[in-house]
Amino acid sequence: MPMGGHLRFRLTTRLPALAAMILRASTFAPTAHALSTACSASKSPLAYTLIAKERLSPDSSLLRFSLPPPHTRLGDDPTLPTCIKVVHPFATDASGAPALVEKSYSPVSHPAAEGELELVVKAYPPAPGGGVGAYLCSLEPGEQIRATVKKPRAVHGHAAVARRWASLGLVAGGTGIAPLLQVVRIVLADAADETRVRLLSVNRREEDCLMRAQLDALAAEHPERLQVAYSLTAPSQGWEGYTGRGDVEMIRKALPPSTKDGRTMIFVCGTDGFVATWGGPVGRAPNKPDGSVGEKVQGPLMGLLADAGYDASEVFKY
């Protein structure tokens, strides 16, 4: 690896947070041309066309969408994770009246993927005020969705995930694998990034391990940088991986240890209950003046990760 890349990694793990942010901003600042081709340049919903659909499990699908021309990628900065908010055009409220229903999805594809994005979606049963997943999974190639690109999510003060930590632990429950797989792809795509990643995917049955083939392929391609483990809460006979929703012993075996020096980070993503079990509940700021839901609040670190000795600064709850 070039000396400059190594020096940049060492500096960003040791300098104060503000200095590290300035250094990263100068390294990854997007060009004017890049800004002009990113979907996030538009604040209005854009049309994305479904071009491929693959069943991943009995109730989940991998959906590939083309980006609306002339846009060639999602975010302004291709090194930062992206997230889109999908509008359900047929949603109704409890009385059957039309209702505005939206849901956010993190693509599993790299933010710099040219001309397309991929979503992993679970088809939860349609319900008043919900049903976005069922709507998406009902689409056929050629049909379109309307969505906006959300601003990058700040992780303890900054949205960067590459070249930021020495060790990164990722804990996914079910479809919580989506944003974490995107993080994996961003980190591994940067040849100058020395981050070592350990990912734990927790599911009910083996068939529910979403994107397993892709994760295993990445681990085989980057054996020194990525390790992947699976745990099942309802394992079949002969299962050789971890079992259960998680415990301190599993954490010590599957995730990087706490260092309390800013060089380790653990991400947790899944249902509200899953996240609460691992790191404590996520709160919400008061609703905004326009009535929209307030931003997520990390809240105190609790649960299994607290029991395992991690500091709140080492954990981020999606």
C-alpha atoms as a PDB file:
ATOM      1  CA  MET A   1       0.000   0.000   0.000  1.00  0.00           C
ATOM      2  CA  PRO A   2       1.374   3.527  -0.807  1.00  0.00           C
ATOM      3  CA  MET A   3       2.877   5.343   2.141  1.00  0.00           C
ATOM      4  CA  GLY A   4       0.460   8.238   1.719  1.00  0.00           C
ATOM      5  CA  GLY A   5      -2.574   5.982   2.195  1.00  0.00           C
ATOM      6  CA  HIS A   6      -1.074   4.444   5.344  1.00  0.00           C
ATOM      7  CA  LEU A   7      -0.252   7.853   6.789  1.00  0.00           C
ATOM      8  CA  ARG A   8      -3.756   9.132   6.088  1.00  0.00           C
ATOM      9  CA  PHE A   9      -5.294   6.123   7.881  1.00  0.00           C
ATOM     10  CA  ARG A  10      -3.057   6.540  10.928  1.00  0.00           C
ATOM     11  CA  LEU A  11      -3.798  10.257  11.149  1.00  0.00           C
ATOM     12  CA  THR A  12      -7.555   9.885  10.970  1.00  0.00           C
ATOM     13  CA  THR A  13      -7.541   7.427  13.845  1.00  0.00           C
ATOM     14  CA  ARG A  14      -5.428   9.636  16.088  1.00  0.00           C
ATOM     15  CA  LEU A  15      -6.239  13.276  15.328  1.00  0.00           C
ATOM     16  CA  PRO A  16      -9.128  14.982  17.124  1.00  0.00           C
ATOM     17  CA  ALA A  17     -12.476  14.393  15.469  1.00  0.00           C
ATOM     18  CA  LEU A  18     -12.649  17.818  13.780  1.00  0.00           C
ATOM     19  CA  ALA A  19      -9.201  17.473  12.218  1.00  0.00           C
ATOM     20  CA  ALA A  20     -10.036  14.003  10.949  1.00  0.00           C
ATOM     21  CA  MET A  21     -13.250  15.293   9.387  1.00  0.00           C
ATOM     22  CA  ILE A  22     -11.376  18.096   7.606  1.00  0.00           C
ATOM     23  CA  LEU A  23      -8.791  15.640   6.299  1.00  0.00           C
ATOM     24  CA  ARG A  24     -11.502  13.301   5.016  1.00  0.00           C
ATOM     25  CA  ALA A  25     -13.475  16.092   3.406  1.00  0.00           C
ATOM     26  CA  SER A  26     -10.411  17.176   1.436  1.00  0.00           C
ATOM     27  CA  THR A  27      -9.710  13.581   0.395  1.00  0.00           C
ATOM     28  CA  PHE A  28     -13.197  12.667  -0.813  1.00  0.00           C
ATOM     29  CA  ALA A  29     -14.653  16.009  -1.923  1.00  0.00           C
ATOM     30  CA  PRO A  30     -16.841  15.304  -4.996  1.00  0.00           C
ATOM     31  CA  THR A  31     -16.226  17.129  -8.219  1.00  0.00           C
ATOM     32  CA  ALA A  32     -18.742  19.463  -9.830  1.00  0.00           C
ATOM     33  CA  HIS A  33     -19.376  16.842 -12.513  1.00  0.00           C
ATOM     34  CA  ALA A  34     -20.072  14.204  -9.874  1.00  0.00           C
ATOM     35  CA  LEU A  35     -22.578  16.475  -8.172  1.00  0.00           C
ATOM     36  CA  SER A  36     -24.389  17.069 -11.438  1.00  0.00           C
ATOM     37  CA  THR A  37     -25.023  13.347 -11.996  1.00  0.00           C
ATOM     38  CA  ALA A  38     -26.132  12.333  -8.489  1.00  0.00           C
ATOM     39  CA  CYS A  39     -29.810  11.645  -7.814  1.00  0.00           C
ATOM     40  CA  SER A  40     -29.600  13.599  -4.565  1.00  0.00           C
ATOM     41  CA  ALA A  41     -29.182  16.762  -6.622  1.00  0.00           C
ATOM     42  CA  SER A  42     -32.996  16.686  -6.874  1.00  0.00           C
ATOM     43  CA  LYS A  43     -35.116  17.125  -3.734  1.00  0.00           C
ATOM     44  CA  SER A  44     -38.303  15.966  -5.475  1.00  0.00           C
ATOM     45  CA  PRO A  45     -39.205  12.274  -5.840  1.00  0.00           C
ATOM     46  CA  LEU A  46     -37.683  10.665  -8.926  1.00  0.00           C
ATOM     47  CA  ALA A  47     -38.821   7.607 -10.888  1.00  0.00           C
ATOM     48  CA  TYR A  48     -36.738   4.422 -10.601  1.00  0.00           C
ATOM     49  CA  THR A  49     -37.528   1.527 -12.955  1.00  0.00           C
ATOM     50  CA  LEU A  50     -37.385  -2.094 -11.773  1.00  0.00           C
ATOM     51  CA  ILE A  51     -35.101  -4.043 -14.120  1.00  0.00           C
ATOM     52  CA  ALA A  52     -34.600  -7.322 -12.226  1.00  0.00           C
ATOM     53  CA  LYS A  53     -36.182  -9.225  -9.346  1.00  0.00           C
ATOM     54  CA  GLU A  54     -34.753 -12.191  -7.442  1.00  0.00           C
ATOM     55  CA  ARG A  55     -36.422 -14.134  -4.629  1.00  0.00           C
ATOM     56  CA  LEU A  56     -34.027 -14.396  -1.666  1.00  0.00           C
ATOM     57  CA  SER A  57     -36.281 -16.109   0.869  1.00  0.00           C
ATOM     58  CA  PRO A  58     -39.977 -17.021   1.134  1.00  0.00           C
ATOM     59  CA  ASP A  59     -40.853 -13.398   1.950  1.00  0.00           C
ATOM     60  CA  SER A  60     -37.875 -11.316   0.742  1.00  0.00           C
ATOM     61  CA  SER A  61     -36.570 -10.216  -2.656  1.00  0.00           C
ATOM     62  CA  LEU A  62     -33.549  -8.506  -4.177  1.00  0.00           C
ATOM     63  CA  LEU A  63     -34.814  -5.707  -6.429  1.00  0.00           C
ATOM     64  CA  ARG A  64     -32.573  -3.960  -8.966  1.00  0.00           C
ATOM     65  CA  PHE A  65     -33.670  -0.545 -10.213  1.00  0.00           C
ATOM     66  CA  SER A  66     -32.249   1.667 -12.935  1.00  0.00           C
ATOM     67  CA  LEU A  67     -31.569   5.276 -12.009  1.00  0.00           C
ATOM     68  CA  PRO A  68     -33.602   8.020 -13.692  1.00  0.00           C
ATOM     69  CA  PRO A  69     -31.659   9.614 -16.570  1.00  0.00           C
ATOM     70  CA  PRO A  70     -29.442  11.590 -16.669  1.00  0.00           C
ATOM     71  CA  HIS A  71     -28.351  10.530 -13.170  1.00  0.00           C
ATOM     72  CA  THR A  72     -25.580   7.957 -13.022  1.00  0.00           C
ATOM     73  CA  ARG A  73     -25.376   7.258  -9.265  1.00  0.00           C
ATOM     74  CA  LEU A  74     -27.246   7.971  -6.035  1.00  0.00           C
ATOM     75  CA  GLY A  75     -25.281  10.169  -3.660  1.00  0.00           C
ATOM     76  CA  ASP A  76     -23.267  13.349  -3.962  1.00  0.00           C
ATOM     77  CA  ASP A  77     -20.280  11.604  -2.353  1.00  0.00           C
ATOM     78  CA  PRO A  78     -19.728   7.997  -3.523  1.00  0.00           C
ATOM     79  CA  THR A  79     -17.793   7.158  -0.338  1.00  0.00           C
ATOM     80  CA  LEU A  80     -20.785   7.747   1.959  1.00  0.00           C
ATOM     81  CA  PRO A  81     -23.664   5.291   2.565  1.00  0.00           C
ATOM     82  CA  THR A  82     -26.930   6.181   0.850  1.00  0.00           C
ATOM     83  CA  CYS A  83     -30.586   5.712   1.752  1.00  0.00           C
ATOM     84  CA  ILE A  84     -33.773   6.327  -0.216  1.00  0.00           C
ATOM     85  CA  LYS A  85     -37.324   7.044   0.932  1.00  0.00           C
ATOM     86  CA  VAL A  86     -39.954   5.213  -1.138  1.00  0.00           C
ATOM     87  CA  VAL A  87     -43.510   6.514  -1.515  1.00  0.00           C
ATOM     88  CA  HIS A  88     -46.342   3.936  -1.469  1.00  0.00           C
ATOM     89  CA  PRO A  89     -48.775   5.222  -4.140  1.00  0.00           C
ATOM     90  CA  PHE A  90     -51.687   2.982  -3.117  1.00  0.00           C
ATOM     91  CA  ALA A  91     -51.569   3.336   0.677  1.00  0.00           C
ATOM     92  CA  THR A  92     -54.704   4.008   2.707  1.00  0.00           C
ATOM     93  CA  ASP A  93     -55.447   4.844   6.314  1.00  0.00           C
ATOM     94  CA  ALA A  94     -57.628   2.800   8.691  1.00  0.00           C
ATOM     95  CA  SER A  95     -60.786   4.240   7.086  1.00  0.00           C
ATOM     96  CA  GLY A  96     -59.688   3.328   3.576  1.00  0.00           C
ATOM     97  CA  ALA A  97     -58.907   6.901   2.562  1.00  0.00           C
ATOM     98  CA  PRO A  98     -55.719   7.640   0.591  1.00  0.00           C
ATOM     99  CA  ALA A  99     -52.729   8.229   2.864  1.00  0.00           C
ATOM    100  CA  LEU A 100     -49.132   9.297   2.401  1.00  0.00           C
ATOM    101  CA  VAL A 101     -47.002   6.321   3.435  1.00  0.00           C
ATOM    102  CA  GLU A 102     -43.236   6.326   3.002  1.00  0.00           C
ATOM    103  CA  LYS A 103     -40.454   3.997   4.093  1.00  0.00           C
ATOM    104  CA  SER A 104     -36.689   4.309   4.019  1.00  0.00           C
ATOM    105  CA  TYR A 105     -34.458   1.648   2.478  1.00  0.00           C
ATOM    106  CA  SER A 106     -30.670   1.435   2.395  1.00  0.00           C
ATOM    107  CA  PRO A 107     -29.433  -0.054  -0.889  1.00  0.00           C
ATOM    108  CA  VAL A 108     -27.146  -3.079  -0.621  1.00  0.00           C
ATOM    109  CA  SER A 109     -25.296  -1.874  -3.715  1.00  0.00           C
ATOM    110  CA  HIS A 110     -22.278   0.434  -3.553  1.00  0.00           C
ATOM    111  CA  PRO A 111     -23.261   4.138  -3.713  1.00  0.00           C
ATOM    112  CA  ALA A 112     -21.060   4.555  -6.785  1.00  0.00           C
ATOM    113  CA  ALA A 113     -22.735   1.703  -8.710  1.00  0.00           C
ATOM    114  CA  GLU A 114     -23.205   3.063 -12.214  1.00  0.00           C
ATOM    115  CA  GLY A 115     -26.784   3.569 -13.330  1.00  0.00           C
ATOM    116  CA  GLU A 116     -28.546   1.311 -10.823  1.00  0.00           C
ATOM    117  CA  LEU A 117     -29.262   0.434  -7.210  1.00  0.00           C
ATOM    118  CA  GLU A 118     -30.236  -2.763  -5.412  1.00  0.00           C
ATOM    119  CA  LEU A 119     -32.684  -3.105  -2.514  1.00  0.00           C
ATOM    120  CA  VAL A 120     -33.336  -6.062  -0.221  1.00  0.00           C
ATOM    121  CA  VAL A 121     -37.012  -5.905   0.706  1.00  0.00           C
ATOM    122  CA  LYS A 122     -39.183  -8.019   2.976  1.00  0.00           C
ATOM    123  CA  ALA A 123     -42.842  -8.246   1.987  1.00  0.00           C
ATOM    124  CA  TYR A 124     -44.549  -7.555   5.295  1.00  0.00           C
ATOM    125  CA  PRO A 125     -48.327  -8.086   4.943  1.00  0.00           C
ATOM    126  CA  PRO A 126     -50.218  -5.024   3.665  1.00  0.00           C
ATOM    127  CA  ALA A 127     -51.715  -2.944   6.477  1.00  0.00           C
ATOM    128  CA  PRO A 128     -53.246   0.513   6.927  1.00  0.00           C
ATOM    129  CA  GLY A 129     -50.416   2.997   7.202  1.00  0.00           C
ATOM    130  CA  GLY A 130     -47.844   0.437   6.000  1.00  0.00           C
ATOM    131  CA  GLY A 131     -47.313  -2.211   3.373  1.00  0.00           C
ATOM    132  CA  VAL A 132     -44.459  -0.551   1.477  1.00  0.00           C
ATOM    133  CA  GLY A 133     -42.497  -3.805   1.477  1.00  0.00           C
ATOM    134  CA  ALA A 134     -45.407  -5.798   0.063  1.00  0.00           C
ATOM    135  CA  TYR A 135     -45.930  -3.101  -2.580  1.00  0.00           C
ATOM    136  CA  LEU A 136     -42.283  -3.219  -3.666  1.00  0.00           C
ATOM    137  CA  CYS A 137     -42.140  -7.005  -3.793  1.00  0.00           C
ATOM    138  CA  SER A 138     -45.304  -7.075  -5.915  1.00  0.00           C
ATOM    139  CA  LEU A 139     -43.673  -5.042  -8.679  1.00  0.00           C
ATOM    140  CA  GLU A 140     -42.640  -6.615 -11.963  1.00  0.00           C
ATOM    141  CA  PRO A 141     -39.752  -5.531 -14.221  1.00  0.00           C
ATOM    142  CA  GLY A 142     -40.647  -2.397 -16.146  1.00  0.00           C
ATOM    143  CA  GLU A 143     -42.736  -0.889 -13.344  1.00  0.00           C
ATOM    144  CA  GLN A 144     -41.544   2.200 -11.507  1.00  0.00           C
ATOM    145  CA  ILE A 145     -41.324   3.551  -7.970  1.00  0.00           C
ATOM    146  CA  ARG A 146     -40.936   7.122  -6.814  1.00  0.00           C
ATOM    147  CA  ALA A 147     -38.331   7.895  -4.189  1.00  0.00           C
ATOM    148  CA  THR A 148     -36.089  10.601  -2.809  1.00  0.00           C
ATOM    149  CA  VAL A 149     -32.496  10.260  -1.658  1.00  0.00           C
ATOM    150  CA  LYS A 150     -32.016  11.057   2.021  1.00  0.00           C
ATOM    151  CA  LYS A 151     -29.054  12.977   3.372  1.00  0.00           C
ATOM    152  CA  PRO A 152     -26.162  10.805   4.634  1.00  0.00           C
ATOM    153  CA  ARG A 153     -26.599   9.540   8.181  1.00  0.00           C
ATOM    154  CA  ALA A 154     -24.071  10.884  10.691  1.00  0.00           C
ATOM    155  CA  VAL A 155     -22.372   8.215  12.801  1.00  0.00           C
ATOM    156  CA  HIS A 156     -21.262   9.942  15.994  1.00  0.00           C
ATOM    157  CA  GLY A 157     -20.769  13.240  14.229  1.00  0.00           C
ATOM    158  CA  HIS A 158     -19.820  12.291  10.667  1.00  0.00           C
ATOM    159  CA  ALA A 159     -21.177  10.125   7.855  1.00  0.00           C
ATOM    160  CA  ALA A 160     -17.834   8.616   6.786  1.00  0.00           C
ATOM    161  CA  VAL A 161     -17.352   4.867   7.305  1.00  0.00           C
ATOM    162  CA  ALA A 162     -14.119   4.224   5.359  1.00  0.00           C
ATOM    163  CA  ARG A 163     -10.628   4.823   6.820  1.00  0.00           C
ATOM    164  CA  ARG A 164     -12.182   5.786  10.133  1.00  0.00           C
ATOM    165  CA  TRP A 165     -11.690   2.790  12.446  1.00  0.00           C
ATOM    166  CA  ALA A 166      -9.196  -0.030  12.749  1.00  0.00           C
ATOM    167  CA  SER A 167     -11.900  -2.589  13.581  1.00  0.00           C
ATOM    168  CA  LEU A 168     -15.545  -2.564  12.560  1.00  0.00           C
ATOM    169  CA  GLY A 169     -18.130  -4.995  13.941  1.00  0.00           C
ATOM    170  CA  LEU A 170     -21.503  -5.313  12.206  1.00  0.00           C
ATOM    171  CA  VAL A 171     -24.533  -7.011  13.777  1.00  0.00           C
ATOM    172  CA  ALA A 172     -27.531  -7.562  11.480  1.00  0.00           C
ATOM    173  CA  GLY A 173     -30.948  -8.952  12.305  1.00  0.00           C
ATOM    174  CA  GLY A 174     -32.874 -10.066   9.200  1.00  0.00           C
ATOM    175  CA  THR A 175     -33.175  -7.279   6.629  1.00  0.00           C
ATOM    176  CA  GLY A 176     -30.923  -5.190   8.863  1.00  0.00           C
ATOM    177  CA  ILE A 177     -28.189  -6.677   6.691  1.00  0.00           C
ATOM    178  CA  ALA A 178     -28.960  -4.109   3.949  1.00  0.00           C
ATOM    179  CA  PRO A 179     -27.196  -0.968   5.245  1.00  0.00           C
ATOM    180  CA  LEU A 180     -24.416  -3.064   6.756  1.00  0.00           C
ATOM    181  CA  LEU A 181     -23.668  -4.804   3.457  1.00  0.00           C
ATOM    182  CA  GLN A 182     -23.448  -1.383   1.824  1.00  0.00           C
ATOM    183  CA  VAL A 183     -20.934  -0.349   4.513  1.00  0.00           C
ATOM    184  CA  VAL A 184     -18.916  -3.512   3.843  1.00  0.00           C
ATOM    185  CA  ARG A 185     -18.795  -2.756   0.132  1.00  0.00           C
ATOM    186  CA  ILE A 186     -17.701   0.846   0.709  1.00  0.00           C
ATOM    187  CA  VAL A 187     -14.901  -0.165   3.074  1.00  0.00           C
ATOM    188  CA  LEU A 188     -13.621  -3.043   0.940  1.00  0.00           C
ATOM    189  CA  ALA A 189     -13.701  -0.985  -2.269  1.00  0.00           C
ATOM    190  CA  ASP A 190     -11.137   1.436  -0.825  1.00  0.00           C
ATOM    191  CA  ALA A 191      -7.754  -0.198  -1.403  1.00  0.00           C
ATOM    192  CA  ALA A 192      -6.111   2.242   1.016  1.00  0.00           C
ATOM    193  CA  ASP A 193      -8.489   1.334   3.844  1.00  0.00           C
ATOM    194  CA  GLU A 194      -6.991  -1.032   6.431  1.00  0.00           C
ATOM    195  CA  THR A 195     -10.213  -1.521   8.433  1.00  0.00           C
ATOM    196  CA  ARG A 196     -10.857  -5.123   9.480  1.00  0.00           C
ATOM    197  CA  VAL A 197     -14.553  -5.997   9.451  1.00  0.00           C
ATOM    198  CA  ARG A 198     -16.357  -8.765  11.352  1.00  0.00           C
ATOM    199  CA  LEU A 199     -20.042  -9.261  10.503  1.00  0.00           C
ATOM    200  CA  LEU A 200     -22.624 -11.320  12.412  1.00  0.00           C
ATOM    201  CA  SER A 201     -25.960 -12.032  10.695  1.00  0.00           C
ATOM    202  CA  VAL A 202     -28.749 -13.257  13.007  1.00  0.00           C
ATOM    203  CA  ASN A 203     -31.824 -14.936  11.514  1.00  0.00           C
ATOM    204  CA  ARG A 204     -34.509 -17.475  12.352  1.00  0.00           C
ATOM    205  CA  ARG A 205     -33.736 -20.194   9.801  1.00  0.00           C
ATOM    206  CA  GLU A 206     -30.870 -20.829   7.404  1.00  0.00           C
ATOM    207  CA  GLU A 207     -33.067 -19.904   4.435  1.00  0.00           C
ATOM    208  CA  ASP A 208     -33.595 -16.474   6.020  1.00  0.00           C
ATOM    209  CA  CYS A 209     -29.885 -15.532   5.804  1.00  0.00           C
ATOM    210  CA  LEU A 210     -30.304 -12.790   3.203  1.00  0.00           C
ATOM    211  CA  MET A 211     -27.445 -12.031   0.779  1.00  0.00           C
ATOM    212  CA  ARG A 212     -25.453 -14.934   2.201  1.00  0.00           C
ATOM    213  CA  ALA A 213     -23.880 -15.871  -1.132  1.00  0.00           C
ATOM    214  CA  GLN A 214     -22.717 -12.293  -1.687  1.00  0.00           C
ATOM    215  CA  LEU A 215     -21.340 -11.985   1.850  1.00  0.00           C
ATOM    216  CA  ASP A 216     -19.484 -15.281   1.647  1.00  0.00           C
ATOM    217  CA  ALA A 217     -18.031 -14.281  -1.730  1.00  0.00           C
ATOM    218  CA  LEU A 218     -16.765 -10.988  -0.312  1.00  0.00           C
ATOM    219  CA  ALA A 219     -15.228 -12.797   2.663  1.00  0.00           C
ATOM    220  CA  ALA A 220     -13.475 -15.245   0.320  1.00  0.00           C
ATOM    221  CA  GLU A 221     -12.204 -12.368  -1.813  1.00  0.00           C
ATOM    222  CA  HIS A 222     -10.949 -10.368   1.208  1.00  0.00           C
ATOM    223  CA  PRO A 223      -9.988 -12.999   3.800  1.00  0.00           C
ATOM    224  CA  GLU A 224      -7.655 -10.649   5.681  1.00  0.00           C
ATOM    225  CA  ARG A 225     -10.234  -7.894   5.984  1.00  0.00           C
ATOM    226  CA  LEU A 226     -13.689  -9.512   6.293  1.00  0.00           C
ATOM    227  CA  GLN A 227     -15.020 -12.332   8.463  1.00  0.00           C
ATOM    228  CA  VAL A 228     -18.693 -13.344   8.330  1.00  0.00           C
ATOM    229  CA  ALA A 229     -20.604 -15.449  10.870  1.00  0.00           C
ATOM    230  CA  TYR A 230     -24.256 -16.509  11.140  1.00  0.00           C
ATOM    231  CA  SER A 231     -26.528 -17.318  14.064  1.00  0.00           C
ATOM    232  CA  LEU A 232     -29.951 -18.983  13.876  1.00  0.00           C
ATOM    233  CA  THR A 233     -32.718 -18.857  16.463  1.00  0.00           C
ATOM    234  CA  ALA A 234     -34.460 -21.930  14.976  1.00  0.00           C
ATOM    235  CA  PRO A 235     -31.598 -23.974  13.537  1.00  0.00           C
ATOM    236  CA  SER A 236     -32.121 -27.214  11.667  1.00  0.00           C
ATOM    237  CA  GLN A 237     -30.359 -30.392  12.670  1.00  0.00           C
ATOM    238  CA  GLY A 238     -26.727 -30.293  11.624  1.00  0.00           C
ATOM    239  CA  TRP A 239     -26.359 -26.495  11.720  1.00  0.00           C
ATOM    240  CA  GLU A 240     -22.740 -25.680  12.613  1.00  0.00           C
ATOM    241  CA  GLY A 241     -22.941 -21.917  13.107  1.00  0.00           C
ATOM    242  CA  TYR A 242     -23.940 -19.931  16.182  1.00  0.00           C
ATOM    243  CA  THR A 243     -27.396 -20.391  17.707  1.00  0.00           C
ATOM    244  CA  GLY A 244     -29.641 -17.891  19.469  1.00  0.00           C
ATOM    245  CA  ARG A 245     -30.332 -14.181  19.224  1.00  0.00           C
ATOM    246  CA  GLY A 246     -27.050 -13.319  20.875  1.00  0.00           C
ATOM    247  CA  ASP A 247     -25.168 -13.341  24.156  1.00  0.00           C
ATOM    248  CA  VAL A 248     -21.907 -12.041  25.590  1.00  0.00           C
ATOM    249  CA  GLU A 249     -20.011 -15.194  24.656  1.00  0.00           C
ATOM    250  CA  MET A 250     -21.130 -14.879  21.026  1.00  0.00           C
ATOM    251  CA  ILE A 251     -20.039 -11.240  21.001  1.00  0.00           C
ATOM    252  CA  ARG A 252     -16.572 -12.130  22.229  1.00  0.00           C
ATOM    253  CA  LYS A 253     -16.184 -14.784  19.546  1.00  0.00           C
ATOM    254  CA  ALA A 254     -17.772 -13.000  16.564  1.00  0.00           C
ATOM    255  CA  LEU A 255     -17.019  -9.280  17.025  1.00  0.00           C
ATOM    256  CA  PRO A 256     -13.907  -7.150  17.586  1.00  0.00           C
ATOM    257  CA  PRO A 257     -13.280  -6.383  21.264  1.00  0.00           C
ATOM    258  CA  SER A 258     -13.785  -3.008  22.876  1.00  0.00           C
ATOM    259  CA  THR A 259     -10.660  -0.832  22.846  1.00  0.00           C
ATOM    260  CA  LYS A 260     -12.110   2.464  24.157  1.00  0.00           C
ATOM    261  CA  ASP A 261      -9.595   4.459  22.125  1.00  0.00           C
ATOM    262  CA  GLY A 262     -11.706   5.409  19.088  1.00  0.00           C
ATOM    263  CA  ARG A 263     -10.359   2.591  16.910  1.00  0.00           C
ATOM    264  CA  THR A 264     -13.334   0.204  17.259  1.00  0.00           C
ATOM    265  CA  MET A 265     -16.967   0.663  16.174  1.00  0.00           C
ATOM    266  CA  ILE A 266     -19.971  -1.678  16.333  1.00  0.00           C
ATOM    267  CA  PHE A 267     -23.021  -1.103  14.130  1.00  0.00           C
ATOM    268  CA  VAL A 268     -26.341  -2.774  15.008  1.00  0.00           C
ATOM    269  CA  CYS A 269     -29.277  -2.873  12.588  1.00  0.00           C
ATOM    270  CA  GLY A 270     -32.566  -4.776  12.642  1.00  0.00           C
ATOM    271  CA  THR A 271     -36.050  -4.471  14.100  1.00  0.00           C
ATOM    272  CA  ASP A 272     -36.578  -2.145  17.058  1.00  0.00           C
ATOM    273  CA  GLY A 273     -36.666  -5.148  19.377  1.00  0.00           C
ATOM    274  CA  PHE A 274     -33.468  -6.606  17.945  1.00  0.00           C
ATOM    275  CA  VAL A 275     -31.580  -3.328  18.288  1.00  0.00           C
ATOM    276  CA  ALA A 276     -32.886  -2.880  21.841  1.00  0.00           C
ATOM    277  CA  THR A 277     -31.686  -6.372  22.778  1.00  0.00           C
ATOM    278  CA  TRP A 278     -28.204  -5.664  21.519  1.00  0.00           C
ATOM    279  CA  GLY A 279     -27.710  -1.992  22.351  1.00  0.00           C
ATOM    280  CA  GLY A 280     -30.790  -0.572  24.035  1.00  0.00           C
ATOM    281  CA  PRO A 281     -33.762   1.211  22.457  1.00  0.00           C
ATOM    282  CA  VAL A 282     -33.402   4.027  19.942  1.00  0.00           C
ATOM    283  CA  GLY A 283     -35.375   7.156  20.803  1.00  0.00           C
ATOM    284  CA  ARG A 284     -36.919   9.912  18.700  1.00  0.00           C
ATOM    285  CA  ALA A 285     -36.583  13.658  18.820  1.00  0.00           C
ATOM    286  CA  PRO A 286     -39.901  15.599  18.907  1.00  0.00           C
ATOM    287  CA  ASN A 287     -41.799  15.740  15.631  1.00  0.00           C
ATOM    288  CA  LYS A 288     -40.789  18.534  13.279  1.00  0.00           C
ATOM    289  CA  PRO A 289     -43.016  21.639  12.747  1.00  0.00           C
ATOM    290  CA  ASP A 290     -44.317  20.149   9.481  1.00  0.00           C
ATOM    291  CA  GLY A 291     -45.552  17.070  11.372  1.00  0.00           C
ATOM    292  CA  SER A 292     -42.876  14.711  10.087  1.00  0.00           C
ATOM    293  CA  VAL A 293     -41.186  12.294  12.474  1.00  0.00           C
ATOM    294  CA  GLY A 294     -38.235  13.588  14.454  1.00  0.00           C
ATOM    295  CA  GLU A 295     -34.698  12.307  13.999  1.00  0.00           C
ATOM    296  CA  LYS A 296     -33.544   9.108  15.693  1.00  0.00           C
ATOM    297  CA  VAL A 297     -31.711   9.526  19.003  1.00  0.00           C
ATOM    298  CA  GLN A 298     -29.114   6.939  20.014  1.00  0.00           C
ATOM    299  CA  GLY A 299     -29.991   6.954  23.706  1.00  0.00           C
ATOM    300  CA  PRO A 300     -27.868   5.234  26.374  1.00  0.00           C
ATOM    301  CA  LEU A 301     -26.013   2.044  25.567  1.00  0.00           C
ATOM    302  CA  MET A 302     -27.750  -0.949  27.132  1.00  0.00           C
ATOM    303  CA  GLY A 303     -28.314  -4.600  26.294  1.00  0.00           C
ATOM    304  CA  LEU A 304     -25.777  -7.200  25.250  1.00  0.00           C
ATOM    305  CA  LEU A 305     -23.107  -4.783  24.042  1.00  0.00           C
ATOM    306  CA  ALA A 306     -23.166  -2.926  27.332  1.00  0.00           C
ATOM    307  CA  ASP A 307     -22.921  -6.257  29.155  1.00  0.00           C
ATOM    308  CA  ALA A 308     -19.905  -7.123  26.984  1.00  0.00           C
ATOM    309  CA  GLY A 309     -18.095  -3.969  28.106  1.00  0.00           C
ATOM    310  CA  TYR A 310     -18.385  -1.664  25.099  1.00  0.00           C
ATOM    311  CA  ASP A 311     -18.538   2.103  25.535  1.00  0.00           C
ATOM    312  CA  ALA A 312     -21.435   4.099  24.049  1.00  0.00           C
ATOM    313  CA  SER A 313     -18.930   5.852  21.763  1.00  0.00           C
ATOM    314  CA  GLU A 314     -18.118   2.455  20.215  1.00  0.00           C
ATOM    315  CA  VAL A 315     -21.680   1.546  19.243  1.00  0.00           C
ATOM    316  CA  PHE A 316     -24.055   2.991  16.661  1.00  0.00           C
ATOM    317  CA  LYS A 317     -27.687   1.828  16.467  1.00  0.00           C
ATOM    318  CA  TYR A 318     -29.246   2.104  13.004  1.00  0.00           C
END
